[in-house]
Amino acid sequence: MPNQFATRILSGVLCVVGLVSLAQFRIISELTNVLRNQLEPGWAFGFVAFASDIRLPALLFALLLYGATRFMVARPATLRTAPWSPIVVASLSTIGASLLLGLLANPWIPHPQSINEWIVFCLTGPVAEELWFRGTIFCLAMRLIPSDKTGLPWFAIALSALLFSLSHLQYYGFRITYASAAQLGYTLLLGLSLGYTRAATGRLGYAIGLHIITNVSSQIF
């Protein structure tokens, strides 16, 4: 009975976090705007506006949430046993797909225009997303359904990738268009690659680094 109760609680937490993750940036941005509107023009207003523009509140919240859940699972694999060849192939394939996407779908993809947007696209955005999806959601899902006979938590990999992909609809007003459909397909594959890297190495930092490299490489064209 206690195990069933704990499983239900864990499932509920995972559902809530998963639903929030679909619009986490919009939700936190709206909350930050409420605070900003309460401030008088001055240094405090400028700091909150800058922090909101570079998604610093979202990054801090994702970090706190991940810190509260990372203890729930042990490292899935060690560096000695991690299958590095598939990781390298997955990483290179992901970066190659980003370059191809940047070349073929250039008119549909929004490109950073300001310094703040570049900070979000190449740093705070990828880090916050990885803390959310390959961090918190991955840990919760892996605790709910651990690794299978292959030693990899495919449920955690697939769920984190699916939610990661769907979360990009928030940038299109949750509407399905050619641009959003292309983004969904690409980010699903990216999420699977990042999830595999996270699971095989047992380190979130590798997924964060690959995500940053992928975002930067997608802007080459």
N, C-alpha and C. Protein backbone atom coordinates (compact mmCIF):
# COMPACT_ATOMS: atom_id res chain seq x y z
N MET A 1 0.81 -1.22 0.00
CA MET A 1 0.00 0.00 0.00
C MET A 1 0.84 1.27 0.00
N PRO A 2 1.89 1.36 0.87
CA PRO A 2 2.72 2.56 0.85
C PRO A 2 3.37 2.79 -0.51
N ASN A 3 3.81 1.68 -1.15
CA ASN A 3 4.43 1.83 -2.46
C ASN A 3 3.44 2.34 -3.50
N GLN A 4 2.20 1.86 -3.44
CA GLN A 4 1.18 2.32 -4.37
C GLN A 4 0.87 3.80 -4.12
N PHE A 5 0.82 4.18 -2.87
CA PHE A 5 0.56 5.58 -2.54
C PHE A 5 1.68 6.48 -3.05
N ALA A 6 2.91 6.05 -2.82
CA ALA A 6 4.06 6.82 -3.29
C ALA A 6 4.07 6.92 -4.81
N THR A 7 3.69 5.84 -5.48
CA THR A 7 3.64 5.85 -6.94
C THR A 7 2.60 6.83 -7.45
N ARG A 8 1.44 6.88 -6.78
CA ARG A 8 0.40 7.82 -7.18
C ARG A 8 0.84 9.26 -6.98
N ILE A 9 1.50 9.52 -5.85
CA ILE A 9 2.00 10.87 -5.58
C ILE A 9 3.02 11.26 -6.64
N LEU A 10 3.94 10.35 -6.93
CA LEU A 10 4.97 10.62 -7.93
C LEU A 10 4.36 10.86 -9.31
N SER A 11 3.36 10.05 -9.65
CA SER A 11 2.68 10.23 -10.94
C SER A 11 1.99 11.58 -11.01
N GLY A 12 1.36 12.00 -9.90
CA GLY A 12 0.69 13.30 -9.86
C GLY A 12 1.67 14.44 -10.01
N VAL A 13 2.79 14.35 -9.31
CA VAL A 13 3.81 15.39 -9.42
C VAL A 13 4.35 15.46 -10.84
N LEU A 14 4.60 14.30 -11.44
CA LEU A 14 5.11 14.27 -12.81
C LEU A 14 4.11 14.88 -13.79
N CYS A 15 2.83 14.60 -13.59
CA CYS A 15 1.79 15.18 -14.47
C CYS A 15 1.75 16.69 -14.35
N VAL A 16 1.81 17.20 -13.11
CA VAL A 16 1.77 18.66 -12.90
C VAL A 16 2.99 19.32 -13.51
N VAL A 17 4.16 18.78 -13.21
CA VAL A 17 5.39 19.36 -13.75
C VAL A 17 5.39 19.27 -15.28
N GLY A 18 4.90 18.16 -15.82
CA GLY A 18 4.84 18.00 -17.26
C GLY A 18 3.92 19.01 -17.92
N LEU A 19 2.76 19.24 -17.32
CA LEU A 19 1.82 20.22 -17.88
C LEU A 19 2.39 21.63 -17.80
N VAL A 20 2.99 21.98 -16.68
CA VAL A 20 3.58 23.31 -16.53
C VAL A 20 4.72 23.50 -17.52
N SER A 21 5.46 22.43 -17.79
CA SER A 21 6.61 22.53 -18.69
C SER A 21 6.21 22.94 -20.10
N LEU A 22 4.96 22.67 -20.48
CA LEU A 22 4.52 22.99 -21.84
C LEU A 22 4.46 24.49 -22.09
N ALA A 23 4.36 25.27 -21.02
CA ALA A 23 4.31 26.73 -21.17
C ALA A 23 5.09 27.42 -20.08
N GLN A 24 6.16 26.78 -19.60
CA GLN A 24 6.86 27.32 -18.44
C GLN A 24 7.43 28.71 -18.68
N PHE A 25 7.97 28.97 -19.87
CA PHE A 25 8.56 30.27 -20.14
C PHE A 25 7.49 31.37 -20.18
N ARG A 26 6.34 31.05 -20.77
CA ARG A 26 5.26 32.04 -20.85
C ARG A 26 4.69 32.33 -19.46
N ILE A 27 4.53 31.29 -18.66
CA ILE A 27 3.98 31.46 -17.33
C ILE A 27 4.89 32.32 -16.47
N ILE A 28 6.17 31.97 -16.44
CA ILE A 28 7.11 32.72 -15.62
C ILE A 28 7.30 34.13 -16.16
N SER A 29 7.26 34.29 -17.47
CA SER A 29 7.37 35.62 -18.07
C SER A 29 6.20 36.51 -17.66
N GLU A 30 4.99 35.94 -17.67
CA GLU A 30 3.82 36.71 -17.26
C GLU A 30 3.90 37.11 -15.79
N LEU A 31 4.36 36.20 -14.95
CA LEU A 31 4.51 36.51 -13.52
C LEU A 31 5.56 37.60 -13.31
N THR A 32 6.63 37.53 -14.07
CA THR A 32 7.68 38.55 -13.96
C THR A 32 7.17 39.90 -14.44
N ASN A 33 6.34 39.90 -15.48
CA ASN A 33 5.77 41.16 -15.97
C ASN A 33 4.85 41.80 -14.94
N VAL A 34 4.13 40.97 -14.18
CA VAL A 34 3.29 41.51 -13.11
C VAL A 34 4.15 42.25 -12.10
N LEU A 35 5.28 41.65 -11.73
CA LEU A 35 6.19 42.31 -10.80
C LEU A 35 6.78 43.57 -11.40
N ARG A 36 7.14 43.51 -12.66
CA ARG A 36 7.73 44.67 -13.31
C ARG A 36 6.76 45.84 -13.37
N ASN A 37 5.49 45.55 -13.57
CA ASN A 37 4.49 46.61 -13.65
C ASN A 37 4.23 47.29 -12.31
N GLN A 38 4.66 46.64 -11.23
CA GLN A 38 4.47 47.23 -9.91
C GLN A 38 5.62 48.15 -9.51
N LEU A 39 6.68 48.16 -10.31
CA LEU A 39 7.87 48.93 -9.97
C LEU A 39 7.87 50.29 -10.67
N GLU A 40 8.45 51.27 -10.00
CA GLU A 40 8.65 52.57 -10.60
C GLU A 40 9.89 52.53 -11.48
N PRO A 41 9.92 53.37 -12.52
CA PRO A 41 11.12 53.42 -13.36
C PRO A 41 12.37 53.70 -12.52
N GLY A 42 13.39 52.93 -12.73
CA GLY A 42 14.62 53.08 -11.96
C GLY A 42 15.47 51.84 -12.11
N TRP A 43 16.47 51.70 -11.24
CA TRP A 43 17.40 50.58 -11.38
C TRP A 43 16.71 49.24 -11.16
N ALA A 44 15.78 49.20 -10.20
CA ALA A 44 15.07 47.94 -9.92
C ALA A 44 14.23 47.52 -11.12
N PHE A 45 13.54 48.49 -11.72
CA PHE A 45 12.73 48.20 -12.90
C PHE A 45 13.61 47.70 -14.05
N GLY A 46 14.76 48.38 -14.24
CA GLY A 46 15.67 48.00 -15.31
C GLY A 46 16.24 46.61 -15.10
N PHE A 47 16.58 46.28 -13.85
CA PHE A 47 17.14 44.96 -13.58
C PHE A 47 16.12 43.87 -13.83
N VAL A 48 14.88 44.08 -13.34
CA VAL A 48 13.84 43.07 -13.53
C VAL A 48 13.52 42.91 -15.01
N ALA A 49 13.51 44.02 -15.75
CA ALA A 49 13.23 43.95 -17.19
C ALA A 49 14.33 43.17 -17.91
N PHE A 50 15.59 43.46 -17.56
CA PHE A 50 16.70 42.74 -18.19
C PHE A 50 16.68 41.26 -17.84
N ALA A 51 16.45 40.97 -16.55
CA ALA A 51 16.39 39.57 -16.11
C ALA A 51 15.27 38.82 -16.81
N SER A 52 14.14 39.48 -16.99
CA SER A 52 13.01 38.85 -17.69
C SER A 52 13.34 38.61 -19.15
N ASP A 53 14.01 39.58 -19.78
CA ASP A 53 14.34 39.46 -21.20
C ASP A 53 15.28 38.30 -21.48
N ILE A 54 16.19 38.03 -20.55
CA ILE A 54 17.14 36.92 -20.77
C ILE A 54 16.68 35.64 -20.07
N ARG A 55 15.44 35.66 -19.57
CA ARG A 55 14.82 34.48 -18.94
C ARG A 55 15.57 33.99 -17.71
N LEU A 56 16.14 34.91 -16.98
CA LEU A 56 16.85 34.54 -15.76
C LEU A 56 15.91 33.96 -14.70
N PRO A 57 14.69 34.53 -14.51
CA PRO A 57 13.76 33.92 -13.53
C PRO A 57 13.41 32.48 -13.88
N ALA A 58 13.20 32.20 -15.16
CA ALA A 58 12.88 30.83 -15.58
C ALA A 58 14.06 29.90 -15.32
N LEU A 59 15.26 30.39 -15.55
CA LEU A 59 16.45 29.59 -15.31
C LEU A 59 16.61 29.28 -13.82
N LEU A 60 16.41 30.27 -12.98
CA LEU A 60 16.54 30.07 -11.53
C LEU A 60 15.47 29.12 -11.01
N PHE A 61 14.25 29.25 -11.51
CA PHE A 61 13.18 28.36 -11.06
C PHE A 61 13.47 26.92 -11.51
N ALA A 62 13.94 26.76 -12.73
CA ALA A 62 14.28 25.42 -13.23
C ALA A 62 15.40 24.81 -12.40
N LEU A 63 16.36 25.64 -12.00
CA LEU A 63 17.47 25.16 -11.19
C LEU A 63 16.99 24.70 -9.82
N LEU A 64 16.11 25.48 -9.19
CA LEU A 64 15.57 25.11 -7.89
C LEU A 64 14.75 23.83 -7.98
N LEU A 65 13.96 23.71 -9.03
CA LEU A 65 13.12 22.52 -9.20
C LEU A 65 13.99 21.28 -9.42
N TYR A 66 15.02 21.44 -10.22
CA TYR A 66 15.92 20.30 -10.46
C TYR A 66 16.66 19.93 -9.18
N GLY A 67 17.07 20.92 -8.42
CA GLY A 67 17.75 20.65 -7.16
C GLY A 67 16.89 19.88 -6.19
N ALA A 68 15.57 20.06 -6.28
CA ALA A 68 14.66 19.37 -5.38
C ALA A 68 14.38 17.94 -5.81
N THR A 69 14.73 17.58 -7.06
CA THR A 69 14.38 16.25 -7.57
C THR A 69 15.58 15.40 -7.95
N ARG A 70 16.76 15.99 -8.09
CA ARG A 70 17.91 15.24 -8.61
C ARG A 70 18.35 14.13 -7.66
N PHE A 71 18.03 14.26 -6.38
CA PHE A 71 18.43 13.23 -5.43
C PHE A 71 17.60 11.96 -5.58
N MET A 72 16.53 12.03 -6.37
CA MET A 72 15.58 10.92 -6.42
C MET A 72 16.10 9.73 -7.21
N VAL A 73 17.08 9.94 -8.07
CA VAL A 73 17.62 8.83 -8.85
C VAL A 73 19.13 8.85 -8.79
N ALA A 74 19.71 7.67 -8.89
CA ALA A 74 21.16 7.56 -8.96
C ALA A 74 21.61 7.74 -10.40
N ARG A 75 22.88 7.91 -10.61
CA ARG A 75 23.39 8.07 -11.96
C ARG A 75 23.12 6.80 -12.76
N PRO A 76 22.46 6.90 -13.94
CA PRO A 76 22.10 5.71 -14.70
C PRO A 76 23.28 4.88 -15.17
N ALA A 77 24.37 5.52 -15.48
CA ALA A 77 25.52 4.79 -15.98
C ALA A 77 26.79 5.54 -15.61
N THR A 78 27.89 4.87 -15.56
CA THR A 78 29.15 5.52 -15.29
C THR A 78 29.88 5.80 -16.59
N LEU A 79 30.88 6.64 -16.52
CA LEU A 79 31.62 6.96 -17.74
C LEU A 79 32.34 5.73 -18.30
N ARG A 80 32.70 4.79 -17.44
CA ARG A 80 33.39 3.60 -17.91
C ARG A 80 32.48 2.67 -18.71
N THR A 81 31.21 2.64 -18.34
CA THR A 81 30.30 1.71 -19.01
C THR A 81 29.42 2.38 -20.04
N ALA A 82 29.49 3.70 -20.14
CA ALA A 82 28.63 4.41 -21.09
C ALA A 82 29.01 4.03 -22.52
N PRO A 83 28.02 3.75 -23.36
CA PRO A 83 28.29 3.41 -24.77
C PRO A 83 28.62 4.67 -25.55
N TRP A 84 29.90 5.02 -25.59
CA TRP A 84 30.28 6.30 -26.15
C TRP A 84 30.10 6.38 -27.66
N SER A 85 30.27 5.29 -28.38
CA SER A 85 30.12 5.36 -29.83
C SER A 85 28.73 5.83 -30.24
N PRO A 86 27.65 5.24 -29.70
CA PRO A 86 26.32 5.74 -30.05
C PRO A 86 26.11 7.20 -29.63
N ILE A 87 26.72 7.60 -28.51
CA ILE A 87 26.59 8.98 -28.05
C ILE A 87 27.22 9.93 -29.05
N VAL A 88 28.40 9.58 -29.53
CA VAL A 88 29.08 10.43 -30.51
C VAL A 88 28.27 10.50 -31.80
N VAL A 89 27.76 9.35 -32.25
CA VAL A 89 26.94 9.33 -33.47
C VAL A 89 25.69 10.17 -33.30
N ALA A 90 25.02 10.01 -32.14
CA ALA A 90 23.80 10.78 -31.88
C ALA A 90 24.10 12.27 -31.83
N SER A 91 25.22 12.64 -31.21
CA SER A 91 25.59 14.04 -31.09
C SER A 91 25.89 14.66 -32.45
N LEU A 92 26.70 13.97 -33.25
CA LEU A 92 27.04 14.48 -34.56
C LEU A 92 25.81 14.54 -35.47
N SER A 93 24.94 13.55 -35.35
CA SER A 93 23.70 13.55 -36.15
C SER A 93 22.82 14.73 -35.77
N THR A 94 22.75 15.02 -34.48
CA THR A 94 21.93 16.13 -34.01
C THR A 94 22.46 17.46 -34.53
N ILE A 95 23.77 17.64 -34.43
CA ILE A 95 24.37 18.88 -34.92
C ILE A 95 24.20 18.99 -36.43
N GLY A 96 24.38 17.86 -37.15
CA GLY A 96 24.19 17.86 -38.59
C GLY A 96 22.77 18.20 -38.98
N ALA A 97 21.81 17.66 -38.21
CA ALA A 97 20.40 17.97 -38.48
C ALA A 97 20.11 19.45 -38.25
N SER A 98 20.77 20.04 -37.27
CA SER A 98 20.59 21.46 -37.00
C SER A 98 21.08 22.31 -38.17
N LEU A 99 22.23 21.92 -38.72
CA LEU A 99 22.76 22.64 -39.87
C LEU A 99 21.83 22.50 -41.07
N LEU A 100 21.29 21.30 -41.28
CA LEU A 100 20.38 21.07 -42.39
C LEU A 100 19.09 21.86 -42.20
N LEU A 101 18.59 21.86 -40.97
CA LEU A 101 17.37 22.62 -40.68
C LEU A 101 17.59 24.11 -40.92
N GLY A 102 18.74 24.59 -40.49
CA GLY A 102 19.04 26.00 -40.69
C GLY A 102 19.12 26.37 -42.15
N LEU A 103 19.54 25.42 -42.99
CA LEU A 103 19.66 25.68 -44.42
C LEU A 103 18.32 25.59 -45.14
N LEU A 104 17.52 24.55 -44.81
CA LEU A 104 16.27 24.31 -45.53
C LEU A 104 15.10 25.12 -45.00
N ALA A 105 15.06 25.30 -43.69
CA ALA A 105 13.90 25.96 -43.08
C ALA A 105 14.23 27.35 -42.57
N ASN A 106 15.24 27.96 -43.14
CA ASN A 106 15.69 29.27 -42.68
C ASN A 106 14.58 30.33 -42.63
N PRO A 107 13.68 30.39 -43.65
CA PRO A 107 12.63 31.43 -43.59
C PRO A 107 11.64 31.24 -42.45
N TRP A 108 11.50 30.00 -41.96
CA TRP A 108 10.50 29.72 -40.93
C TRP A 108 11.04 29.87 -39.51
N ILE A 109 12.35 29.79 -39.37
CA ILE A 109 12.93 29.75 -38.04
C ILE A 109 13.23 31.17 -37.55
N PRO A 110 12.74 31.54 -36.37
CA PRO A 110 13.07 32.86 -35.82
C PRO A 110 14.54 32.93 -35.44
N HIS A 111 15.18 34.00 -35.82
CA HIS A 111 16.60 34.16 -35.53
C HIS A 111 16.79 35.26 -34.49
N PRO A 112 17.74 35.10 -33.59
CA PRO A 112 18.00 36.14 -32.59
C PRO A 112 18.38 37.45 -33.26
N GLN A 113 17.81 38.55 -32.77
CA GLN A 113 18.06 39.85 -33.36
C GLN A 113 18.84 40.77 -32.43
N SER A 114 18.72 40.56 -31.13
CA SER A 114 19.37 41.42 -30.16
C SER A 114 20.32 40.60 -29.29
N ILE A 115 21.11 41.30 -28.50
CA ILE A 115 22.04 40.62 -27.59
C ILE A 115 21.27 39.77 -26.59
N ASN A 116 20.18 40.32 -26.07
CA ASN A 116 19.38 39.56 -25.11
C ASN A 116 18.83 38.27 -25.72
N GLU A 117 18.38 38.36 -26.98
CA GLU A 117 17.85 37.18 -27.64
C GLU A 117 18.95 36.14 -27.88
N TRP A 118 20.15 36.60 -28.18
CA TRP A 118 21.27 35.67 -28.34
C TRP A 118 21.61 34.98 -27.02
N ILE A 119 21.54 35.73 -25.93
CA ILE A 119 21.80 35.15 -24.61
C ILE A 119 20.78 34.05 -24.31
N VAL A 120 19.52 34.33 -24.64
CA VAL A 120 18.46 33.35 -24.40
C VAL A 120 18.66 32.12 -25.28
N PHE A 121 18.93 32.35 -26.55
CA PHE A 121 19.00 31.25 -27.51
C PHE A 121 20.22 30.36 -27.29
N CYS A 122 21.32 30.95 -26.88
CA CYS A 122 22.58 30.20 -26.79
C CYS A 122 22.99 29.86 -25.36
N LEU A 123 22.29 30.40 -24.35
CA LEU A 123 22.74 30.12 -22.99
C LEU A 123 21.59 29.84 -22.03
N THR A 124 20.86 30.87 -21.64
CA THR A 124 19.85 30.68 -20.59
C THR A 124 18.71 29.77 -21.04
N GLY A 125 18.32 29.87 -22.31
CA GLY A 125 17.24 29.03 -22.82
C GLY A 125 17.59 27.55 -22.79
N PRO A 126 18.69 27.14 -23.44
CA PRO A 126 19.08 25.72 -23.41
C PRO A 126 19.32 25.18 -22.01
N VAL A 127 19.96 25.97 -21.16
CA VAL A 127 20.23 25.49 -19.79
C VAL A 127 18.93 25.28 -19.03
N ALA A 128 18.01 26.25 -19.13
CA ALA A 128 16.73 26.13 -18.43
C ALA A 128 15.93 24.94 -18.96
N GLU A 129 15.92 24.76 -20.27
CA GLU A 129 15.18 23.64 -20.86
C GLU A 129 15.76 22.30 -20.41
N GLU A 130 17.07 22.20 -20.38
CA GLU A 130 17.68 20.94 -19.95
C GLU A 130 17.41 20.67 -18.48
N LEU A 131 17.43 21.69 -17.65
CA LEU A 131 17.11 21.51 -16.24
C LEU A 131 15.68 21.02 -16.08
N TRP A 132 14.77 21.53 -16.91
CA TRP A 132 13.37 21.12 -16.87
C TRP A 132 13.20 19.69 -17.36
N PHE A 133 13.68 19.42 -18.58
CA PHE A 133 13.31 18.19 -19.26
C PHE A 133 14.28 17.03 -19.00
N ARG A 134 15.57 17.23 -19.20
CA ARG A 134 16.53 16.17 -18.91
C ARG A 134 16.93 16.18 -17.45
N GLY A 135 16.44 17.18 -16.70
CA GLY A 135 16.70 17.24 -15.27
C GLY A 135 15.51 16.75 -14.47
N THR A 136 14.59 17.66 -14.17
CA THR A 136 13.45 17.35 -13.30
C THR A 136 12.56 16.24 -13.86
N ILE A 137 12.06 16.43 -15.08
CA ILE A 137 11.12 15.46 -15.66
C ILE A 137 11.81 14.12 -15.86
N PHE A 138 13.04 14.13 -16.31
CA PHE A 138 13.79 12.89 -16.50
C PHE A 138 13.92 12.14 -15.18
N CYS A 139 14.28 12.84 -14.10
CA CYS A 139 14.45 12.19 -12.79
C CYS A 139 13.13 11.61 -12.28
N LEU A 140 12.05 12.38 -12.40
CA LEU A 140 10.75 11.90 -11.94
C LEU A 140 10.29 10.69 -12.73
N ALA A 141 10.46 10.76 -14.06
CA ALA A 141 10.03 9.64 -14.90
C ALA A 141 10.88 8.40 -14.66
N MET A 142 12.16 8.59 -14.43
CA MET A 142 13.02 7.44 -14.19
C MET A 142 12.73 6.81 -12.84
N ARG A 143 12.34 7.63 -11.86
CA ARG A 143 11.97 7.07 -10.56
C ARG A 143 10.67 6.28 -10.68
N LEU A 144 9.77 6.75 -11.55
CA LEU A 144 8.48 6.08 -11.73
C LEU A 144 8.65 4.77 -12.48
N ILE A 145 9.39 4.79 -13.59
CA ILE A 145 9.66 3.58 -14.38
C ILE A 145 11.17 3.53 -14.63
N PRO A 146 11.90 2.74 -13.87
CA PRO A 146 13.37 2.68 -13.99
C PRO A 146 13.83 2.09 -15.32
N SER A 147 15.13 1.88 -15.40
CA SER A 147 15.75 1.36 -16.63
C SER A 147 15.24 -0.05 -16.94
N ASP A 148 15.24 -0.37 -18.24
CA ASP A 148 14.85 -1.72 -18.65
C ASP A 148 16.08 -2.61 -18.75
N LYS A 149 15.98 -3.74 -19.45
CA LYS A 149 17.08 -4.69 -19.54
C LYS A 149 18.30 -4.12 -20.26
N THR A 150 18.08 -3.10 -21.09
CA THR A 150 19.19 -2.49 -21.80
C THR A 150 20.02 -1.58 -20.90
N GLY A 151 19.48 -1.27 -19.73
CA GLY A 151 20.18 -0.38 -18.81
C GLY A 151 19.87 1.08 -19.03
N LEU A 152 19.00 1.37 -19.99
CA LEU A 152 18.64 2.75 -20.29
C LEU A 152 17.17 3.00 -19.96
N PRO A 153 16.85 4.14 -19.38
CA PRO A 153 15.47 4.47 -19.01
C PRO A 153 14.70 5.04 -20.20
N TRP A 154 14.23 4.18 -21.06
CA TRP A 154 13.60 4.65 -22.30
C TRP A 154 12.32 5.44 -22.05
N PHE A 155 11.59 5.12 -20.97
CA PHE A 155 10.39 5.89 -20.66
C PHE A 155 10.76 7.33 -20.35
N ALA A 156 11.79 7.52 -19.54
CA ALA A 156 12.23 8.87 -19.19
C ALA A 156 12.76 9.61 -20.42
N ILE A 157 13.49 8.90 -21.26
CA ILE A 157 14.02 9.50 -22.48
C ILE A 157 12.89 9.96 -23.40
N ALA A 158 11.90 9.07 -23.62
CA ALA A 158 10.80 9.37 -24.54
C ALA A 158 9.89 10.46 -23.99
N LEU A 159 9.53 10.37 -22.71
CA LEU A 159 8.62 11.36 -22.13
C LEU A 159 9.25 12.75 -22.11
N SER A 160 10.50 12.84 -21.69
CA SER A 160 11.16 14.15 -21.65
C SER A 160 11.30 14.73 -23.05
N ALA A 161 11.54 13.88 -24.05
CA ALA A 161 11.65 14.35 -25.43
C ALA A 161 10.31 14.84 -25.96
N LEU A 162 9.24 14.11 -25.67
CA LEU A 162 7.91 14.49 -26.13
C LEU A 162 7.47 15.82 -25.53
N LEU A 163 7.64 15.97 -24.22
CA LEU A 163 7.25 17.22 -23.57
C LEU A 163 8.13 18.38 -24.03
N PHE A 164 9.40 18.11 -24.22
CA PHE A 164 10.32 19.12 -24.74
C PHE A 164 9.87 19.62 -26.11
N SER A 165 9.47 18.68 -26.96
CA SER A 165 9.00 19.05 -28.29
C SER A 165 7.71 19.86 -28.22
N LEU A 166 6.74 19.38 -27.45
CA LEU A 166 5.46 20.07 -27.36
C LEU A 166 5.59 21.45 -26.73
N SER A 167 6.57 21.64 -25.86
CA SER A 167 6.73 22.94 -25.20
C SER A 167 7.07 24.04 -26.19
N HIS A 168 7.60 23.68 -27.36
CA HIS A 168 7.96 24.70 -28.34
C HIS A 168 6.73 25.29 -29.04
N LEU A 169 5.57 24.68 -28.82
CA LEU A 169 4.35 25.28 -29.37
C LEU A 169 4.00 26.60 -28.69
N GLN A 170 4.52 26.82 -27.48
CA GLN A 170 4.23 28.07 -26.77
C GLN A 170 4.75 29.28 -27.52
N TYR A 171 5.79 29.07 -28.35
CA TYR A 171 6.35 30.18 -29.12
C TYR A 171 5.53 30.49 -30.37
N TYR A 172 4.55 29.63 -30.66
CA TYR A 172 3.67 29.84 -31.82
C TYR A 172 2.22 30.02 -31.39
N GLY A 173 2.03 30.37 -30.12
CA GLY A 173 0.66 30.56 -29.62
C GLY A 173 -0.12 29.27 -29.59
N PHE A 174 0.57 28.13 -29.49
CA PHE A 174 -0.04 26.80 -29.45
C PHE A 174 -0.88 26.52 -30.70
N ARG A 175 -0.42 27.06 -31.82
CA ARG A 175 -1.07 26.82 -33.11
C ARG A 175 -0.18 25.95 -33.97
N ILE A 176 -0.80 25.06 -34.74
CA ILE A 176 -0.07 24.20 -35.66
C ILE A 176 0.05 24.88 -37.01
N THR A 177 1.26 25.22 -37.38
CA THR A 177 1.56 25.82 -38.67
C THR A 177 2.71 25.03 -39.29
N TYR A 178 3.11 25.40 -40.52
CA TYR A 178 4.26 24.74 -41.13
C TYR A 178 5.50 24.91 -40.25
N ALA A 179 5.67 26.13 -39.74
CA ALA A 179 6.84 26.41 -38.91
C ALA A 179 6.81 25.62 -37.61
N SER A 180 5.66 25.62 -36.93
CA SER A 180 5.58 24.91 -35.64
C SER A 180 5.67 23.40 -35.84
N ALA A 181 5.11 22.89 -36.95
CA ALA A 181 5.19 21.45 -37.23
C ALA A 181 6.64 21.03 -37.46
N ALA A 182 7.38 21.86 -38.23
CA ALA A 182 8.80 21.57 -38.46
C ALA A 182 9.57 21.61 -37.14
N GLN A 183 9.22 22.58 -36.30
CA GLN A 183 9.89 22.70 -35.00
C GLN A 183 9.58 21.50 -34.11
N LEU A 184 8.34 21.03 -34.14
CA LEU A 184 7.96 19.87 -33.33
C LEU A 184 8.74 18.62 -33.73
N GLY A 185 8.82 18.37 -35.04
CA GLY A 185 9.54 17.19 -35.51
C GLY A 185 11.01 17.25 -35.18
N TYR A 186 11.60 18.41 -35.40
CA TYR A 186 13.04 18.55 -35.15
C TYR A 186 13.36 18.45 -33.66
N THR A 187 12.58 19.13 -32.82
CA THR A 187 12.88 19.12 -31.38
C THR A 187 12.58 17.76 -30.75
N LEU A 188 11.68 16.98 -31.35
CA LEU A 188 11.44 15.63 -30.84
C LEU A 188 12.70 14.77 -31.03
N LEU A 189 13.28 14.85 -32.22
CA LEU A 189 14.52 14.10 -32.49
C LEU A 189 15.65 14.61 -31.62
N LEU A 190 15.71 15.93 -31.46
CA LEU A 190 16.74 16.52 -30.61
C LEU A 190 16.56 16.05 -29.17
N GLY A 191 15.32 16.03 -28.70
CA GLY A 191 15.05 15.60 -27.33
C GLY A 191 15.44 14.16 -27.09
N LEU A 192 15.19 13.29 -28.07
CA LEU A 192 15.59 11.89 -27.93
C LEU A 192 17.11 11.75 -27.85
N SER A 193 17.80 12.51 -28.67
CA SER A 193 19.26 12.48 -28.66
C SER A 193 19.81 13.00 -27.33
N LEU A 194 19.26 14.10 -26.85
CA LEU A 194 19.71 14.67 -25.58
C LEU A 194 19.38 13.75 -24.41
N GLY A 195 18.21 13.10 -24.48
CA GLY A 195 17.82 12.17 -23.43
C GLY A 195 18.72 10.95 -23.40
N TYR A 196 19.08 10.45 -24.56
CA TYR A 196 19.99 9.31 -24.62
C TYR A 196 21.35 9.68 -24.03
N THR A 197 21.82 10.86 -24.40
CA THR A 197 23.10 11.32 -23.87
C THR A 197 23.05 11.46 -22.35
N ARG A 198 21.96 12.02 -21.86
CA ARG A 198 21.78 12.18 -20.40
C ARG A 198 21.77 10.83 -19.71
N ALA A 199 21.07 9.86 -20.29
CA ALA A 199 20.94 8.55 -19.64
C ALA A 199 22.24 7.76 -19.70
N ALA A 200 22.89 7.77 -20.85
CA ALA A 200 24.08 6.94 -21.04
C ALA A 200 25.27 7.45 -20.24
N THR A 201 25.40 8.76 -20.12
CA THR A 201 26.53 9.31 -19.38
C THR A 201 26.20 9.52 -17.91
N GLY A 202 24.92 9.66 -17.59
CA GLY A 202 24.54 9.94 -16.22
C GLY A 202 24.81 11.37 -15.82
N ARG A 203 25.13 12.22 -16.76
CA ARG A 203 25.49 13.61 -16.46
C ARG A 203 24.63 14.58 -17.26
N LEU A 204 23.98 15.47 -16.58
CA LEU A 204 23.15 16.47 -17.24
C LEU A 204 23.99 17.46 -18.02
N GLY A 205 25.21 17.69 -17.56
CA GLY A 205 26.07 18.67 -18.22
C GLY A 205 26.35 18.35 -19.68
N TYR A 206 26.45 17.07 -20.02
CA TYR A 206 26.69 16.70 -21.42
C TYR A 206 25.49 17.09 -22.29
N ALA A 207 24.29 16.87 -21.79
CA ALA A 207 23.09 17.25 -22.54
C ALA A 207 23.01 18.76 -22.70
N ILE A 208 23.36 19.50 -21.65
CA ILE A 208 23.35 20.96 -21.73
C ILE A 208 24.33 21.44 -22.78
N GLY A 209 25.56 20.89 -22.75
CA GLY A 209 26.56 21.30 -23.73
C GLY A 209 26.16 20.99 -25.15
N LEU A 210 25.57 19.81 -25.37
CA LEU A 210 25.13 19.42 -26.72
C LEU A 210 24.00 20.33 -27.18
N HIS A 211 23.10 20.68 -26.29
CA HIS A 211 21.98 21.56 -26.64
C HIS A 211 22.50 22.94 -27.06
N ILE A 212 23.45 23.47 -26.31
CA ILE A 212 24.01 24.78 -26.64
C ILE A 212 24.70 24.73 -28.00
N ILE A 213 25.52 23.71 -28.23
CA ILE A 213 26.20 23.56 -29.52
C ILE A 213 25.22 23.44 -30.66
N THR A 214 24.13 22.70 -30.44
CA THR A 214 23.12 22.51 -31.46
C THR A 214 22.44 23.84 -31.81
N ASN A 215 22.08 24.61 -30.81
CA ASN A 215 21.43 25.90 -31.06
C ASN A 215 22.36 26.85 -31.82
N VAL A 216 23.62 26.89 -31.42
CA VAL A 216 24.57 27.76 -32.10
C VAL A 216 24.76 27.34 -33.54
N SER A 217 24.90 26.02 -33.76
CA SER A 217 25.14 25.52 -35.11
C SER A 217 23.94 25.75 -36.03
N SER A 218 22.73 25.81 -35.46
CA SER A 218 21.53 26.03 -36.28
C SER A 218 21.48 27.44 -36.84
N GLN A 219 22.30 28.34 -36.30
CA GLN A 219 22.29 29.74 -36.74
C GLN A 219 23.43 30.06 -37.71
N ILE A 220 24.21 29.05 -38.07
CA ILE A 220 25.34 29.29 -38.94
C ILE A 220 24.90 29.82 -40.30
N PHE A 221 23.78 29.25 -40.80
CA PHE A 221 23.29 29.71 -42.10
C PHE A 221 22.34 30.87 -41.91
